[in-house]
Amino acid sequence: MTKPLRTAACAAVLALLAGPAAAEDLVFELRNGTNSTLTAFYTSPVGEDRWEEDVFGDQVLEPGETIEVTIADGRDVCEYDMRFEFSEDSALDTTTDTQNLCELGSYTIHE
């Protein structure tokens, strides 16, 4: 095998081993601008049929509180559907919205 052919073969193997570039984490601040406790927050890329796991886990977001949210799902998309669920004693219904999380620095949920 000639040197240029060997070099090209090595480069091709290295490119395959490297895999696709890692997607960047999506980070933004979420503020609860309601008078109710936000008990669950779900996201999923637009077009997905199911919601991902609850971003909060065991946490809640009380009225007026802010939390930094990181979406580290490894996807290369920006448009996400969001679902907000409130405590059972709240008069607020489950709320949904769609946002470009790549451009979003902060988001406030309102009543």
N, C-alpha and C. Protein backbone atom coordinates (compact mmCIF):
# COMPACT_ATOMS: atom_id res chain seq x y z
N MET A 1 0.86 -1.17 0.00
CA MET A 1 0.00 0.00 0.00
C MET A 1 0.90 1.23 0.00
N THR A 2 0.58 2.19 -0.84
CA THR A 2 1.40 3.40 -0.94
C THR A 2 1.15 4.29 0.27
N LYS A 3 2.09 5.19 0.51
CA LYS A 3 1.99 6.06 1.67
C LYS A 3 0.74 6.94 1.61
N PRO A 4 0.40 7.59 0.48
CA PRO A 4 -0.82 8.41 0.45
C PRO A 4 -2.09 7.58 0.69
N LEU A 5 -2.12 6.35 0.16
CA LEU A 5 -3.28 5.49 0.36
C LEU A 5 -3.39 5.07 1.81
N ARG A 6 -2.25 4.77 2.43
CA ARG A 6 -2.22 4.40 3.84
C ARG A 6 -2.70 5.57 4.72
N THR A 7 -2.26 6.76 4.40
CA THR A 7 -2.65 7.96 5.14
C THR A 7 -4.16 8.18 5.02
N ALA A 8 -4.69 8.04 3.83
CA ALA A 8 -6.13 8.21 3.62
C ALA A 8 -6.93 7.16 4.38
N ALA A 9 -6.45 5.92 4.40
CA ALA A 9 -7.13 4.85 5.12
C ALA A 9 -7.13 5.13 6.62
N CYS A 10 -6.00 5.58 7.15
CA CYS A 10 -5.91 5.92 8.58
C CYS A 10 -6.85 7.07 8.93
N ALA A 11 -6.90 8.07 8.08
CA ALA A 11 -7.78 9.21 8.33
C ALA A 11 -9.24 8.77 8.34
N ALA A 12 -9.62 7.87 7.43
CA ALA A 12 -10.99 7.38 7.38
C ALA A 12 -11.34 6.60 8.65
N VAL A 13 -10.43 5.77 9.13
CA VAL A 13 -10.66 5.00 10.35
C VAL A 13 -10.80 5.94 11.54
N LEU A 14 -9.93 6.94 11.64
CA LEU A 14 -10.00 7.89 12.74
C LEU A 14 -11.33 8.67 12.72
N ALA A 15 -11.79 9.03 11.54
CA ALA A 15 -13.05 9.75 11.42
C ALA A 15 -14.21 8.89 11.90
N LEU A 16 -14.18 7.60 11.60
CA LEU A 16 -15.23 6.70 12.05
C LEU A 16 -15.19 6.51 13.56
N LEU A 17 -14.01 6.43 14.13
CA LEU A 17 -13.86 6.25 15.57
C LEU A 17 -14.28 7.49 16.34
N ALA A 18 -14.07 8.65 15.77
CA ALA A 18 -14.38 9.89 16.45
C ALA A 18 -15.88 10.06 16.64
N GLY A 19 -16.69 9.57 15.72
CA GLY A 19 -18.14 9.66 15.83
C GLY A 19 -18.61 11.10 15.61
N PRO A 20 -19.91 11.31 15.78
CA PRO A 20 -20.45 12.65 15.57
C PRO A 20 -20.03 13.58 16.70
N ALA A 21 -20.02 14.85 16.39
CA ALA A 21 -19.67 15.85 17.41
C ALA A 21 -20.73 15.85 18.50
N ALA A 22 -20.32 16.05 19.73
CA ALA A 22 -21.24 16.05 20.85
C ALA A 22 -22.12 17.31 20.81
N ALA A 23 -23.39 17.11 21.09
CA ALA A 23 -24.31 18.24 21.13
C ALA A 23 -24.06 19.04 22.41
N GLU A 24 -24.32 20.33 22.35
CA GLU A 24 -24.12 21.18 23.53
C GLU A 24 -25.32 21.08 24.44
N ASP A 25 -25.07 21.17 25.75
CA ASP A 25 -26.16 21.21 26.72
C ASP A 25 -26.94 22.51 26.54
N LEU A 26 -28.24 22.45 26.76
CA LEU A 26 -29.10 23.63 26.70
C LEU A 26 -29.34 24.09 28.13
N VAL A 27 -28.95 25.32 28.44
CA VAL A 27 -29.03 25.84 29.80
C VAL A 27 -29.84 27.14 29.80
N PHE A 28 -30.79 27.24 30.72
CA PHE A 28 -31.57 28.47 30.88
C PHE A 28 -32.11 28.54 32.30
N GLU A 29 -32.54 29.73 32.69
CA GLU A 29 -33.15 29.92 34.00
C GLU A 29 -34.66 29.86 33.87
N LEU A 30 -35.29 29.08 34.76
CA LEU A 30 -36.74 28.96 34.79
C LEU A 30 -37.24 29.64 36.06
N ARG A 31 -38.16 30.59 35.89
CA ARG A 31 -38.71 31.33 37.03
C ARG A 31 -40.20 31.04 37.14
N ASN A 32 -40.64 30.74 38.35
CA ASN A 32 -42.06 30.52 38.61
C ASN A 32 -42.70 31.86 38.96
N GLY A 33 -43.38 32.47 38.00
CA GLY A 33 -44.05 33.75 38.20
C GLY A 33 -45.51 33.59 38.56
N THR A 34 -45.89 32.39 39.02
CA THR A 34 -47.28 32.16 39.43
C THR A 34 -47.38 32.20 40.95
N ASN A 35 -48.59 32.05 41.44
CA ASN A 35 -48.82 31.96 42.89
C ASN A 35 -48.96 30.51 43.34
N SER A 36 -48.61 29.57 42.48
CA SER A 36 -48.74 28.14 42.78
C SER A 36 -47.39 27.45 42.71
N THR A 37 -47.27 26.33 43.41
CA THR A 37 -46.05 25.53 43.38
C THR A 37 -45.98 24.74 42.08
N LEU A 38 -44.89 24.86 41.37
CA LEU A 38 -44.64 24.10 40.15
C LEU A 38 -44.02 22.77 40.58
N THR A 39 -44.73 21.68 40.37
CA THR A 39 -44.30 20.38 40.89
C THR A 39 -43.58 19.52 39.85
N ALA A 40 -43.79 19.77 38.57
CA ALA A 40 -43.15 18.96 37.54
C ALA A 40 -42.92 19.81 36.29
N PHE A 41 -41.81 19.53 35.63
CA PHE A 41 -41.44 20.24 34.40
C PHE A 41 -40.87 19.21 33.43
N TYR A 42 -41.54 19.05 32.30
CA TYR A 42 -41.14 18.08 31.29
C TYR A 42 -40.75 18.80 30.00
N THR A 43 -39.82 18.22 29.27
CA THR A 43 -39.46 18.73 27.95
C THR A 43 -39.36 17.55 27.00
N SER A 44 -39.48 17.84 25.74
CA SER A 44 -39.17 16.88 24.68
C SER A 44 -39.02 17.66 23.38
N PRO A 45 -38.16 17.20 22.50
CA PRO A 45 -38.03 17.89 21.21
C PRO A 45 -39.37 17.91 20.48
N VAL A 46 -39.64 18.99 19.79
CA VAL A 46 -40.87 19.11 19.01
C VAL A 46 -40.97 17.90 18.07
N GLY A 47 -42.15 17.31 18.02
CA GLY A 47 -42.39 16.16 17.14
C GLY A 47 -42.28 14.82 17.84
N GLU A 48 -41.76 14.79 19.06
CA GLU A 48 -41.69 13.54 19.83
C GLU A 48 -43.09 13.24 20.38
N ASP A 49 -43.41 11.95 20.49
CA ASP A 49 -44.73 11.55 20.96
C ASP A 49 -44.85 11.48 22.47
N ARG A 50 -43.72 11.40 23.17
CA ARG A 50 -43.76 11.26 24.63
C ARG A 50 -42.87 12.30 25.29
N TRP A 51 -43.22 12.63 26.54
CA TRP A 51 -42.41 13.55 27.32
C TRP A 51 -41.21 12.82 27.89
N GLU A 52 -40.09 13.52 28.02
CA GLU A 52 -38.91 13.00 28.70
C GLU A 52 -39.21 12.96 30.19
N GLU A 53 -38.24 12.51 31.00
CA GLU A 53 -38.43 12.46 32.45
C GLU A 53 -38.61 13.87 33.03
N ASP A 54 -39.23 13.93 34.20
CA ASP A 54 -39.43 15.19 34.91
C ASP A 54 -38.07 15.81 35.21
N VAL A 55 -37.85 17.02 34.73
CA VAL A 55 -36.57 17.72 34.93
C VAL A 55 -36.32 17.97 36.42
N PHE A 56 -37.39 18.23 37.19
CA PHE A 56 -37.24 18.54 38.60
C PHE A 56 -36.86 17.34 39.46
N GLY A 57 -37.25 16.15 39.03
CA GLY A 57 -37.03 14.98 39.90
C GLY A 57 -37.85 15.14 41.16
N ASP A 58 -37.19 15.18 42.33
CA ASP A 58 -37.88 15.32 43.61
C ASP A 58 -38.07 16.78 44.02
N GLN A 59 -37.56 17.70 43.27
CA GLN A 59 -37.65 19.12 43.62
C GLN A 59 -38.97 19.73 43.16
N VAL A 60 -39.30 20.88 43.71
CA VAL A 60 -40.42 21.70 43.24
C VAL A 60 -39.91 23.12 43.10
N LEU A 61 -40.67 23.95 42.42
CA LEU A 61 -40.31 25.36 42.26
C LEU A 61 -41.44 26.19 42.85
N GLU A 62 -41.16 26.78 43.98
CA GLU A 62 -42.15 27.59 44.70
C GLU A 62 -42.38 28.91 43.96
N PRO A 63 -43.51 29.58 44.24
CA PRO A 63 -43.79 30.88 43.62
C PRO A 63 -42.63 31.85 43.85
N GLY A 64 -42.21 32.52 42.78
CA GLY A 64 -41.14 33.51 42.85
C GLY A 64 -39.74 32.94 42.77
N GLU A 65 -39.58 31.62 42.87
CA GLU A 65 -38.24 31.01 42.83
C GLU A 65 -37.76 30.84 41.39
N THR A 66 -36.44 30.78 41.25
CA THR A 66 -35.79 30.57 39.96
C THR A 66 -34.82 29.40 40.10
N ILE A 67 -34.71 28.60 39.05
CA ILE A 67 -33.79 27.47 39.04
C ILE A 67 -33.08 27.43 37.69
N GLU A 68 -31.82 27.04 37.69
CA GLU A 68 -31.11 26.85 36.43
C GLU A 68 -31.41 25.45 35.91
N VAL A 69 -31.89 25.37 34.69
CA VAL A 69 -32.26 24.10 34.06
C VAL A 69 -31.23 23.76 33.00
N THR A 70 -30.77 22.52 32.99
CA THR A 70 -29.86 22.03 31.97
C THR A 70 -30.51 20.84 31.27
N ILE A 71 -30.67 20.94 29.96
CA ILE A 71 -31.16 19.84 29.15
C ILE A 71 -29.92 19.24 28.47
N ALA A 72 -29.52 18.08 28.94
CA ALA A 72 -28.30 17.42 28.43
C ALA A 72 -28.70 16.08 27.83
N ASP A 73 -29.54 16.12 26.81
CA ASP A 73 -30.05 14.89 26.22
C ASP A 73 -29.25 14.41 25.01
N GLY A 74 -28.20 15.15 24.65
CA GLY A 74 -27.34 14.72 23.55
C GLY A 74 -27.91 14.96 22.17
N ARG A 75 -29.04 15.61 22.09
CA ARG A 75 -29.66 15.87 20.79
C ARG A 75 -29.10 17.14 20.18
N ASP A 76 -29.26 17.25 18.89
CA ASP A 76 -28.79 18.41 18.13
C ASP A 76 -29.96 19.27 17.68
N VAL A 77 -30.94 19.48 18.55
CA VAL A 77 -32.12 20.27 18.20
C VAL A 77 -32.28 21.41 19.18
N CYS A 78 -33.05 22.42 18.78
CA CYS A 78 -33.28 23.59 19.64
C CYS A 78 -34.74 23.75 20.05
N GLU A 79 -35.66 23.35 19.18
CA GLU A 79 -37.08 23.54 19.43
C GLU A 79 -37.61 22.42 20.36
N TYR A 80 -38.08 22.84 21.53
CA TYR A 80 -38.58 21.89 22.52
C TYR A 80 -39.98 22.27 22.97
N ASP A 81 -40.81 21.25 23.19
CA ASP A 81 -42.08 21.42 23.86
C ASP A 81 -41.80 21.35 25.35
N MET A 82 -42.54 22.14 26.13
CA MET A 82 -42.38 22.16 27.58
C MET A 82 -43.76 21.96 28.22
N ARG A 83 -43.77 21.23 29.32
CA ARG A 83 -45.02 20.96 30.06
C ARG A 83 -44.80 21.28 31.53
N PHE A 84 -45.69 22.08 32.09
CA PHE A 84 -45.60 22.52 33.48
C PHE A 84 -46.80 21.99 34.25
N GLU A 85 -46.54 21.33 35.38
CA GLU A 85 -47.61 20.81 36.23
C GLU A 85 -47.52 21.47 37.60
N PHE A 86 -48.68 21.80 38.15
CA PHE A 86 -48.76 22.52 39.42
C PHE A 86 -49.31 21.62 40.51
N SER A 87 -49.14 22.05 41.77
CA SER A 87 -49.61 21.27 42.91
C SER A 87 -51.12 21.04 42.81
N GLU A 88 -51.58 19.98 43.48
CA GLU A 88 -53.00 19.60 43.41
C GLU A 88 -53.92 20.68 43.94
N ASP A 89 -53.45 21.48 44.90
CA ASP A 89 -54.30 22.52 45.47
C ASP A 89 -54.32 23.80 44.63
N SER A 90 -53.63 23.79 43.50
CA SER A 90 -53.56 24.96 42.63
C SER A 90 -54.80 25.04 41.74
N ALA A 91 -55.19 26.26 41.43
CA ALA A 91 -56.29 26.48 40.49
C ALA A 91 -55.79 26.47 39.04
N LEU A 92 -54.46 26.36 38.87
CA LEU A 92 -53.89 26.39 37.52
C LEU A 92 -53.92 25.01 36.87
N ASP A 93 -54.22 25.01 35.58
CA ASP A 93 -54.19 23.77 34.80
C ASP A 93 -52.77 23.51 34.32
N THR A 94 -52.51 22.28 33.91
CA THR A 94 -51.24 21.96 33.27
C THR A 94 -51.08 22.87 32.06
N THR A 95 -49.89 23.42 31.89
CA THR A 95 -49.60 24.39 30.85
C THR A 95 -48.52 23.84 29.93
N THR A 96 -48.64 24.09 28.63
CA THR A 96 -47.61 23.70 27.68
C THR A 96 -47.18 24.90 26.86
N ASP A 97 -45.97 24.81 26.33
CA ASP A 97 -45.43 25.88 25.49
C ASP A 97 -44.33 25.27 24.63
N THR A 98 -43.95 25.95 23.56
CA THR A 98 -42.85 25.54 22.71
C THR A 98 -41.87 26.69 22.61
N GLN A 99 -40.57 26.39 22.78
CA GLN A 99 -39.54 27.43 22.76
C GLN A 99 -38.29 26.92 22.06
N ASN A 100 -37.49 27.85 21.55
CA ASN A 100 -36.17 27.56 21.03
C ASN A 100 -35.22 27.65 22.22
N LEU A 101 -34.83 26.51 22.78
CA LEU A 101 -34.00 26.50 23.99
C LEU A 101 -32.55 26.90 23.71
N CYS A 102 -32.12 26.88 22.46
CA CYS A 102 -30.77 27.34 22.14
C CYS A 102 -30.64 28.84 22.31
N GLU A 103 -31.72 29.57 22.10
CA GLU A 103 -31.69 31.03 22.18
C GLU A 103 -32.28 31.56 23.49
N LEU A 104 -32.81 30.66 24.32
CA LEU A 104 -33.52 31.07 25.53
C LEU A 104 -32.55 31.24 26.69
N GLY A 105 -32.47 32.44 27.22
CA GLY A 105 -31.62 32.68 28.39
C GLY A 105 -32.39 32.48 29.68
N SER A 106 -33.69 32.85 29.64
CA SER A 106 -34.54 32.67 30.80
C SER A 106 -35.98 32.53 30.34
N TYR A 107 -36.79 31.91 31.19
CA TYR A 107 -38.20 31.70 30.89
C TYR A 107 -38.97 31.85 32.18
N THR A 108 -40.05 32.62 32.15
CA THR A 108 -40.91 32.79 33.31
C THR A 108 -42.28 32.23 32.99
N ILE A 109 -42.75 31.32 33.81
CA ILE A 109 -44.09 30.79 33.66
C ILE A 109 -45.03 31.72 34.42
N HIS A 110 -46.10 32.18 33.73
CA HIS A 110 -47.07 33.11 34.31
C HIS A 110 -48.43 32.43 34.42
N GLU A 111 -49.28 33.01 35.25
CA GLU A 111 -50.66 32.51 35.36
C GLU A 111 -51.46 32.90 34.16
